[in-house]
Amino acid sequence: MSNRIILPRLLEVGAGASQKAPEILAALGCSKPLIVTDQMMVKLGYVDKLQAVLSAAGLDSDLFADTLPEPTEASIIAGVDKVKAGSYDAIIALGGGSPIDSAKAISILGKFGGQMRDYKFPRDVSEQGLPVIAIPTTAGTGSEVTRFTIITDGDKDEKMLCVGLGFMPAAALVDFELTLSAPPRVTADTGIDALTHAMEAYVSAKANPYSDSQALAAMRLIGPNLRRAYHTPDDREAREAMMLGSTLAGVAFSAASVALVHGMSRPIGAFFHVPHGLSNAMLLPTVTAFSLDSAAERYADCARAIGAAEHSDDTATANRKLIAELRALNAELQVPSPADFGIDESRYFELRETMAEQALASGSPGNNPRVPSVAELVELYTAVWNQQ
């Protein structure tokens, strides 16, 4: 049995990689990019630095800097209209997962039109929009190397998973130096997001030898370095390891898909505006405990890869250590429960069944080692409400 692996055509990795945008544009035969980003990247000066590099190479660029965290279709319409009205031949996505996901959607809608719900899973989007050059500024989402984008349908409070070759960036510039300014909360949430990507890819029903190799490598980088990056933001060695780990985790889950944590996470984000990485972190220990017995050897491999267990530990011991480590990590990185985050309790409990149904409909729980029923999902949402 063979497995299809889809990657960016060009991948530049390491300190200063973001400065190679002009060469990457030239290699793709492009010369008029639209930069898609958010206001934080403007305030931090990253947009000015990028435009200066482009200008020095004789390249004019335009800017759409109004993407929002957890993007909705409404938040990207102005960017779509800009593409339709302009004559751009590429999009440079600068920022965390939200600007990159927004850029992917703008690339497709700007060229082919329609609404985002027209492109949601189970449709496989093979259409090629404007080529996207992704420059991530967080070590977490892996969106720079995945064939996925997540856009919220504001009318239904539904996070739409959109999948296909059309959402794979043409190039990615992975520069860990851009993460040095990330605050502890962002470092924690995106870092646990990357860890979740790697773990879910490794235990996924769609796991394969290629995705396994990337997932294990990612976990070996993330496990020893997440706390270091959180507590010591200027630790360049830890930041570099986290950035590479995040990208490898993205490669892994793009090839093997994610599973139950992500399926449950999206409705929490859509209904209660919890950042994606944070909602994953809220869920990871409880969902892992639920799934453990259905992929015991695989989860034990995860425990050893992140350094929670010794290679000499048997499977049961390794898995006990894995759950303890995930809970300890959440405690140390101050991950709140949904209750501590400030979600309204009555609305949360009222929406449990709707969230469960949306989670199952997304397709991701079907990849989990243990596929839950709606009733079991409701129980899981209950269990994570006020976990300590």
Protein backbone atom coordinates (compact mmCIF):
# COMPACT_ATOMS: atom_id res chain seq x y z
CA MET A 1 0.00 0.00 0.00
CA SER A 2 1.33 3.43 -0.94
CA ASN A 3 0.72 6.79 0.70
CA ARG A 4 0.54 10.15 -1.06
CA ILE A 5 2.67 12.83 0.60
CA ILE A 6 2.01 16.47 -0.29
CA LEU A 7 4.59 19.12 0.64
CA PRO A 8 5.38 22.73 -0.30
CA ARG A 9 7.51 22.97 -3.43
CA LEU A 10 10.09 25.02 -1.55
CA LEU A 11 10.98 24.90 2.14
CA GLU A 12 13.54 27.30 3.62
CA VAL A 13 14.39 26.48 7.25
CA GLY A 14 16.58 28.27 9.79
CA ALA A 15 17.65 31.65 11.11
CA GLY A 16 17.02 34.38 8.55
CA ALA A 17 14.86 32.19 6.31
CA SER A 18 12.20 34.91 6.16
CA GLN A 19 14.70 37.17 4.40
CA LYS A 20 14.69 34.84 1.39
CA ALA A 21 11.25 35.93 0.20
CA PRO A 22 12.56 37.65 -2.98
CA GLU A 23 14.48 34.54 -4.07
CA ILE A 24 11.47 32.34 -3.38
CA LEU A 25 9.18 34.60 -5.38
CA ALA A 26 11.64 34.50 -8.28
CA ALA A 27 11.84 30.71 -8.13
CA LEU A 28 8.04 30.57 -8.37
CA GLY A 29 8.00 33.02 -11.27
CA CYS A 30 6.14 35.65 -9.24
CA SER A 31 6.80 39.36 -8.80
CA LYS A 32 3.68 41.07 -7.42
CA PRO A 33 2.74 39.69 -4.00
CA LEU A 34 -0.06 40.59 -1.63
CA ILE A 35 1.03 40.29 2.00
CA VAL A 36 -1.73 38.82 4.17
CA THR A 37 -1.19 39.34 7.89
CA ASP A 38 -2.64 40.91 11.04
CA GLN A 39 -2.19 44.16 12.94
CA MET A 40 0.17 42.57 15.49
CA MET A 41 2.69 41.82 12.75
CA VAL A 42 2.44 45.46 11.70
CA LYS A 43 2.99 46.68 15.26
CA LEU A 44 5.97 44.38 15.81
CA GLY A 45 7.62 45.75 12.68
CA TYR A 46 7.68 42.41 10.87
CA VAL A 47 5.69 43.78 7.92
CA ASP A 48 8.06 46.73 7.48
CA LYS A 49 11.06 44.38 7.53
CA LEU A 50 9.49 42.09 4.94
CA GLN A 51 8.49 44.95 2.66
CA ALA A 52 11.98 46.44 2.97
CA VAL A 53 13.54 43.15 1.85
CA LEU A 54 11.13 42.96 -1.09
CA SER A 55 11.70 46.59 -2.02
CA ALA A 56 15.48 46.15 -1.96
CA ALA A 57 15.02 43.40 -4.54
CA GLY A 58 12.91 45.72 -6.72
CA LEU A 59 9.60 44.09 -5.81
CA ASP A 60 6.47 46.07 -5.02
CA SER A 61 4.07 44.54 -2.52
CA ASP A 62 0.59 45.35 -1.31
CA LEU A 63 -0.86 44.69 2.13
CA PHE A 64 -3.99 43.19 3.68
CA ALA A 65 -3.41 43.35 7.45
CA ASP A 66 -6.90 42.82 8.80
CA THR A 67 -7.02 39.08 9.42
CA LEU A 68 -8.40 38.08 12.81
CA PRO A 69 -7.65 35.31 15.30
CA GLU A 70 -9.83 32.26 14.60
CA PRO A 71 -10.81 33.65 11.16
CA THR A 72 -14.38 33.76 9.93
CA GLU A 73 -15.52 34.07 6.34
CA ALA A 74 -16.59 37.65 7.10
CA SER A 75 -13.07 38.52 8.30
CA ILE A 76 -11.46 37.54 4.98
CA ILE A 77 -13.98 39.02 2.52
CA ALA A 78 -12.05 42.29 2.20
CA GLY A 79 -8.92 40.31 1.37
CA VAL A 80 -10.82 38.25 -1.21
CA ASP A 81 -12.17 41.43 -2.80
CA LYS A 82 -8.64 42.88 -2.89
CA VAL A 83 -7.38 39.84 -4.79
CA LYS A 84 -10.28 39.97 -7.24
CA ALA A 85 -9.69 43.67 -7.92
CA GLY A 86 -5.90 43.44 -8.13
CA SER A 87 -3.36 41.78 -10.39
CA TYR A 88 -1.36 39.88 -7.78
CA ASP A 89 0.50 36.71 -8.74
CA ALA A 90 1.28 35.48 -5.22
CA ILE A 91 0.27 35.81 -1.58
CA ILE A 92 2.78 36.04 1.25
CA ALA A 93 1.16 34.87 4.49
CA LEU A 94 2.92 36.33 7.53
CA GLY A 95 1.93 35.41 11.08
CA GLY A 96 0.52 32.56 13.13
CA GLY A 97 -1.99 30.00 12.01
CA SER A 98 -4.85 32.46 11.61
CA PRO A 99 -3.18 34.70 8.98
CA ILE A 100 -1.84 31.65 7.16
CA ASP A 101 -5.24 29.93 7.16
CA SER A 102 -6.82 33.23 6.05
CA ALA A 103 -4.31 33.53 3.20
CA LYS A 104 -5.05 30.02 1.98
CA ALA A 105 -8.77 30.76 1.90
CA ILE A 106 -8.23 34.14 0.21
CA SER A 107 -6.08 32.42 -2.41
CA ILE A 108 -8.89 30.03 -3.38
CA LEU A 109 -11.89 32.36 -3.02
CA GLY A 110 -10.06 35.22 -4.73
CA LYS A 111 -9.46 33.12 -7.82
CA PHE A 112 -12.49 30.84 -7.96
CA GLY A 113 -15.19 32.69 -6.01
CA GLY A 114 -18.03 31.10 -4.09
CA GLN A 115 -18.40 30.80 -0.32
CA MET A 116 -16.11 29.00 2.08
CA ARG A 117 -18.75 26.40 2.89
CA ASP A 118 -18.55 25.34 -0.78
CA TYR A 119 -15.02 24.09 -0.09
CA LYS A 120 -15.45 22.39 3.31
CA PHE A 121 -14.80 18.72 4.04
CA PRO A 122 -15.65 16.17 2.64
CA ARG A 123 -14.86 18.06 -0.57
CA ASP A 124 -11.26 17.55 -1.68
CA VAL A 125 -10.12 20.90 -3.03
CA SER A 126 -7.62 20.35 -5.84
CA GLU A 127 -8.02 23.77 -7.50
CA GLN A 128 -4.84 25.85 -7.45
CA GLY A 129 -5.36 29.42 -6.27
CA LEU A 130 -2.66 32.07 -6.13
CA PRO A 131 0.57 30.50 -4.84
CA VAL A 132 0.96 31.09 -1.10
CA ILE A 133 4.35 31.67 0.53
CA ALA A 134 3.86 31.04 4.23
CA ILE A 135 6.08 32.68 6.85
CA PRO A 136 5.03 31.38 10.30
CA THR A 137 5.73 33.49 13.38
CA THR A 138 4.59 30.93 15.95
CA ALA A 139 5.85 27.41 16.64
CA GLY A 140 2.57 25.58 16.71
CA THR A 141 0.03 25.38 13.92
CA GLY A 142 2.18 23.86 11.19
CA SER A 143 -0.19 25.50 8.70
CA GLU A 144 2.79 26.45 6.52
CA VAL A 145 3.16 22.78 5.49
CA THR A 146 -0.41 21.45 5.59
CA ARG A 147 -3.19 20.91 3.08
CA PHE A 148 -5.79 22.18 5.55
CA THR A 149 -7.39 25.46 6.49
CA ILE A 150 -9.95 26.24 9.18
CA ILE A 151 -12.48 29.05 8.63
CA THR A 152 -15.52 29.66 10.85
CA ASP A 153 -19.01 29.90 9.41
CA GLY A 154 -20.30 32.81 11.50
CA ASP A 155 -23.94 32.03 10.71
CA LYS A 156 -23.69 28.55 12.23
CA ASP A 157 -20.84 29.01 14.74
CA GLU A 158 -19.13 26.13 12.94
CA LYS A 159 -15.41 25.81 12.30
CA MET A 160 -15.21 24.47 8.76
CA LEU A 161 -12.37 22.09 7.97
CA CYS A 162 -11.26 22.56 4.38
CA VAL A 163 -8.90 20.01 2.85
CA GLY A 164 -6.98 19.52 -0.37
CA LEU A 165 -3.95 20.20 -2.51
CA GLY A 166 -5.29 23.69 -3.17
CA PHE A 167 -4.60 24.67 0.45
CA MET A 168 -0.95 23.57 0.47
CA PRO A 169 1.39 26.57 0.36
CA ALA A 170 3.74 26.68 -2.60
CA ALA A 171 6.59 27.60 -0.26
CA ALA A 172 7.31 28.02 3.44
CA LEU A 173 10.00 30.14 5.09
CA VAL A 174 10.49 28.72 8.59
CA ASP A 175 12.49 31.25 10.59
CA PHE A 176 12.64 30.59 14.34
CA GLU A 177 13.92 34.12 14.98
CA LEU A 178 10.39 35.38 14.32
CA THR A 179 9.18 33.48 17.41
CA LEU A 180 11.55 35.17 19.85
CA SER A 181 8.98 37.90 20.55
CA ALA A 182 6.13 35.44 21.23
CA PRO A 183 4.76 35.91 24.78
CA PRO A 184 4.55 32.93 27.18
CA ARG A 185 0.81 32.35 26.64
CA VAL A 186 1.23 32.13 22.86
CA THR A 187 4.35 29.97 23.26
CA ALA A 188 2.44 27.55 25.52
CA ASP A 189 -0.73 27.30 23.46
CA THR A 190 1.00 26.94 20.09
CA GLY A 191 3.56 24.55 21.54
CA ILE A 192 0.92 22.19 22.94
CA ASP A 193 -0.91 22.51 19.62
CA ALA A 194 2.24 21.24 17.86
CA LEU A 195 2.60 18.42 20.39
CA THR A 196 -1.04 17.46 19.76
CA HIS A 197 -0.45 17.43 16.00
CA ALA A 198 2.47 15.04 16.39
CA MET A 199 0.71 12.73 18.85
CA GLU A 200 -2.53 12.58 16.88
CA ALA A 201 -0.69 11.95 13.61
CA TYR A 202 1.16 9.07 15.27
CA VAL A 203 -1.96 7.39 16.67
CA SER A 204 -4.21 8.23 13.70
CA ALA A 205 -5.88 5.45 11.74
CA LYS A 206 -4.25 7.06 8.69
CA ALA A 207 -0.73 6.94 10.13
CA ASN A 208 1.92 5.61 7.75
CA PRO A 209 5.69 5.08 7.87
CA TYR A 210 6.40 8.55 6.50
CA SER A 211 4.11 10.39 8.91
CA ASP A 212 5.42 8.25 11.79
CA SER A 213 8.99 9.34 11.10
CA GLN A 214 8.00 13.02 11.10
CA ALA A 215 5.75 12.72 14.17
CA LEU A 216 8.39 10.99 16.28
CA ALA A 217 11.06 13.50 15.24
CA ALA A 218 8.68 16.33 16.14
CA MET A 219 7.92 14.90 19.58
CA ARG A 220 11.64 14.45 20.31
CA LEU A 221 12.15 18.15 19.57
CA ILE A 222 9.06 19.48 21.34
CA GLY A 223 9.17 17.35 24.50
CA PRO A 224 12.42 18.67 25.99
CA ASN A 225 12.08 22.24 24.71
CA LEU A 226 8.51 23.47 25.28
CA ARG A 227 9.06 24.34 28.93
CA ARG A 228 12.40 25.98 28.09
CA ALA A 229 10.84 28.21 25.44
CA TYR A 230 7.97 29.09 27.79
CA HIS A 231 10.13 30.04 30.77
CA THR A 232 13.07 31.54 28.84
CA PRO A 233 11.72 33.25 25.71
CA ASP A 234 15.17 34.23 24.41
CA ASP A 235 16.52 30.67 24.51
CA ARG A 236 17.44 30.43 20.85
CA GLU A 237 18.24 26.72 20.96
CA ALA A 238 14.82 25.91 22.44
CA ARG A 239 13.04 28.25 20.04
CA GLU A 240 14.78 26.68 17.04
CA ALA A 241 13.87 23.18 18.23
CA MET A 242 10.24 24.18 18.79
CA MET A 243 9.97 25.79 15.34
CA LEU A 244 11.40 22.76 13.55
CA GLY A 245 9.28 20.45 15.71
CA SER A 246 6.17 22.41 14.81
CA THR A 247 6.90 22.18 11.09
CA LEU A 248 7.63 18.45 11.26
CA ALA A 249 4.42 17.92 13.24
CA GLY A 250 2.58 19.81 10.50
CA VAL A 251 4.10 17.55 7.85
CA ALA A 252 3.06 14.54 9.92
CA PHE A 253 -0.58 15.48 10.40
CA SER A 254 -0.91 16.73 6.84
CA ALA A 255 0.03 13.19 5.79
CA ALA A 256 -1.94 11.31 8.48
CA SER A 257 -4.66 13.73 9.63
CA VAL A 258 -5.54 14.69 13.18
CA ALA A 259 -7.98 12.92 15.45
CA LEU A 260 -10.33 13.37 18.41
CA VAL A 261 -8.66 16.28 20.19
CA HIS A 262 -8.97 18.45 17.10
CA GLY A 263 -12.48 17.28 16.38
CA MET A 264 -13.61 18.32 19.87
CA SER A 265 -11.50 21.47 19.88
CA ARG A 266 -13.08 23.18 16.89
CA PRO A 267 -16.60 23.56 18.37
CA ILE A 268 -15.17 24.97 21.61
CA GLY A 269 -13.31 27.55 19.56
CA ALA A 270 -16.27 28.37 17.37
CA PHE A 271 -18.85 28.76 20.14
CA PHE A 272 -16.68 30.27 22.88
CA HIS A 273 -13.84 31.97 20.99
CA VAL A 274 -11.12 29.97 22.68
CA PRO A 275 -7.83 30.10 20.72
CA HIS A 276 -7.28 26.86 18.83
CA GLY A 277 -4.07 25.82 20.55
CA LEU A 278 -5.53 26.53 23.97
CA SER A 279 -8.66 24.46 23.37
CA ASN A 280 -6.45 21.59 22.20
CA ALA A 281 -4.43 21.91 25.41
CA MET A 282 -7.60 21.83 27.52
CA LEU A 283 -8.60 18.56 25.89
CA LEU A 284 -5.33 16.69 25.38
CA PRO A 285 -4.93 14.91 28.76
CA THR A 286 -8.56 13.78 29.03
CA VAL A 287 -8.89 12.68 25.40
CA THR A 288 -5.57 10.84 25.56
CA ALA A 289 -6.72 8.96 28.69
CA PHE A 290 -9.97 8.04 26.89
CA SER A 291 -8.07 6.71 23.85
CA LEU A 292 -5.13 5.05 25.59
CA ASP A 293 -6.20 1.41 25.68
CA SER A 294 -7.05 1.38 21.97
CA ALA A 295 -3.47 2.23 20.92
CA ALA A 296 -1.42 1.43 23.99
CA GLU A 297 1.86 0.70 22.21
CA ARG A 298 1.61 3.83 20.09
CA TYR A 299 0.91 6.09 23.06
CA ALA A 300 3.82 4.46 24.90
CA ASP A 301 6.04 5.43 21.95
CA CYS A 302 4.79 9.01 22.37
CA ALA A 303 5.66 8.96 26.07
CA ARG A 304 9.21 7.83 25.29
CA ALA A 305 9.64 10.30 22.43
CA ILE A 306 8.73 13.35 24.52
CA GLY A 307 10.92 12.16 27.38
CA ALA A 308 8.11 11.37 29.81
CA ALA A 309 9.07 7.68 29.97
CA GLU A 310 12.28 5.69 29.77
CA HIS A 311 12.90 3.36 26.84
CA SER A 312 13.09 0.54 29.39
CA ASP A 313 9.57 1.27 30.73
CA ASP A 314 6.91 -1.24 29.78
CA THR A 315 3.81 -0.06 27.92
CA ALA A 316 1.57 0.36 30.96
CA THR A 317 4.21 2.30 32.88
CA ALA A 318 4.98 4.53 29.91
CA ASN A 319 1.32 5.34 29.44
CA ARG A 320 0.79 6.20 33.10
CA LYS A 321 3.75 8.55 32.82
CA LEU A 322 2.33 10.06 29.60
CA ILE A 323 -0.97 11.06 31.23
CA ALA A 324 0.88 12.41 34.28
CA GLU A 325 3.18 14.44 32.02
CA LEU A 326 0.35 15.93 29.97
CA ARG A 327 -1.44 17.02 33.14
CA ALA A 328 1.79 18.38 34.65
CA LEU A 329 2.54 20.27 31.43
CA ASN A 330 -0.89 21.93 31.48
CA ALA A 331 -0.40 22.89 35.12
CA GLU A 332 3.07 24.35 34.59
CA LEU A 333 2.06 26.22 31.45
CA GLN A 334 -1.06 27.51 33.22
CA VAL A 335 -3.58 26.05 30.79
CA PRO A 336 -7.04 26.93 32.15
CA SER A 337 -10.01 24.60 32.15
CA PRO A 338 -13.06 25.82 30.20
CA ALA A 339 -14.49 26.94 33.55
CA ASP A 340 -11.34 28.88 34.47
CA PHE A 341 -11.25 30.44 31.00
CA GLY A 342 -14.57 32.09 31.80
CA ILE A 343 -16.93 30.17 29.54
CA ASP A 344 -20.55 30.44 30.64
CA GLU A 345 -21.36 27.15 32.35
CA SER A 346 -25.03 26.91 31.42
CA ARG A 347 -24.35 27.61 27.75
CA TYR A 348 -21.42 25.16 27.67
CA PHE A 349 -23.54 22.35 29.09
CA GLU A 350 -26.47 23.29 26.88
CA LEU A 351 -24.28 23.03 23.76
CA ARG A 352 -22.51 19.76 24.61
CA GLU A 353 -24.60 17.63 22.24
CA THR A 354 -24.36 20.18 19.41
CA MET A 355 -20.59 20.34 19.90
CA ALA A 356 -20.44 16.55 19.91
CA GLU A 357 -22.38 16.33 16.66
CA GLN A 358 -20.20 18.98 15.00
CA ALA A 359 -17.06 17.23 16.21
CA LEU A 360 -18.12 13.93 14.66
CA ALA A 361 -19.22 15.63 11.44
CA SER A 362 -15.76 17.16 11.00
CA GLY A 363 -14.35 13.70 10.28
CA SER A 364 -11.34 13.97 12.61
CA PRO A 365 -12.73 11.73 15.40
CA GLY A 366 -13.02 8.94 12.85
CA ASN A 367 -9.21 8.80 12.75
CA ASN A 368 -8.95 8.29 16.52
CA PRO A 369 -7.85 4.92 17.90
CA ARG A 370 -11.12 4.83 19.86
CA VAL A 371 -13.98 6.40 17.89
CA PRO A 372 -16.54 7.85 20.31
CA SER A 373 -20.30 7.99 20.08
CA VAL A 374 -22.16 11.27 20.52
CA ALA A 375 -22.99 10.20 24.08
CA GLU A 376 -19.32 9.53 24.84
CA LEU A 377 -18.35 12.91 23.39
CA VAL A 378 -20.88 14.59 25.65
CA GLU A 379 -19.26 12.81 28.60
CA LEU A 380 -15.81 13.95 27.49
CA TYR A 381 -16.95 17.59 27.21
CA THR A 382 -18.35 17.23 30.73
CA ALA A 383 -15.09 15.75 32.02
CA VAL A 384 -12.94 18.61 30.74
CA TRP A 385 -15.21 21.37 32.08
CA ASN A 386 -13.50 21.90 35.41
CA GLN A 387 -10.50 19.60 35.35
CA GLN A 388 -7.77 20.48 37.83
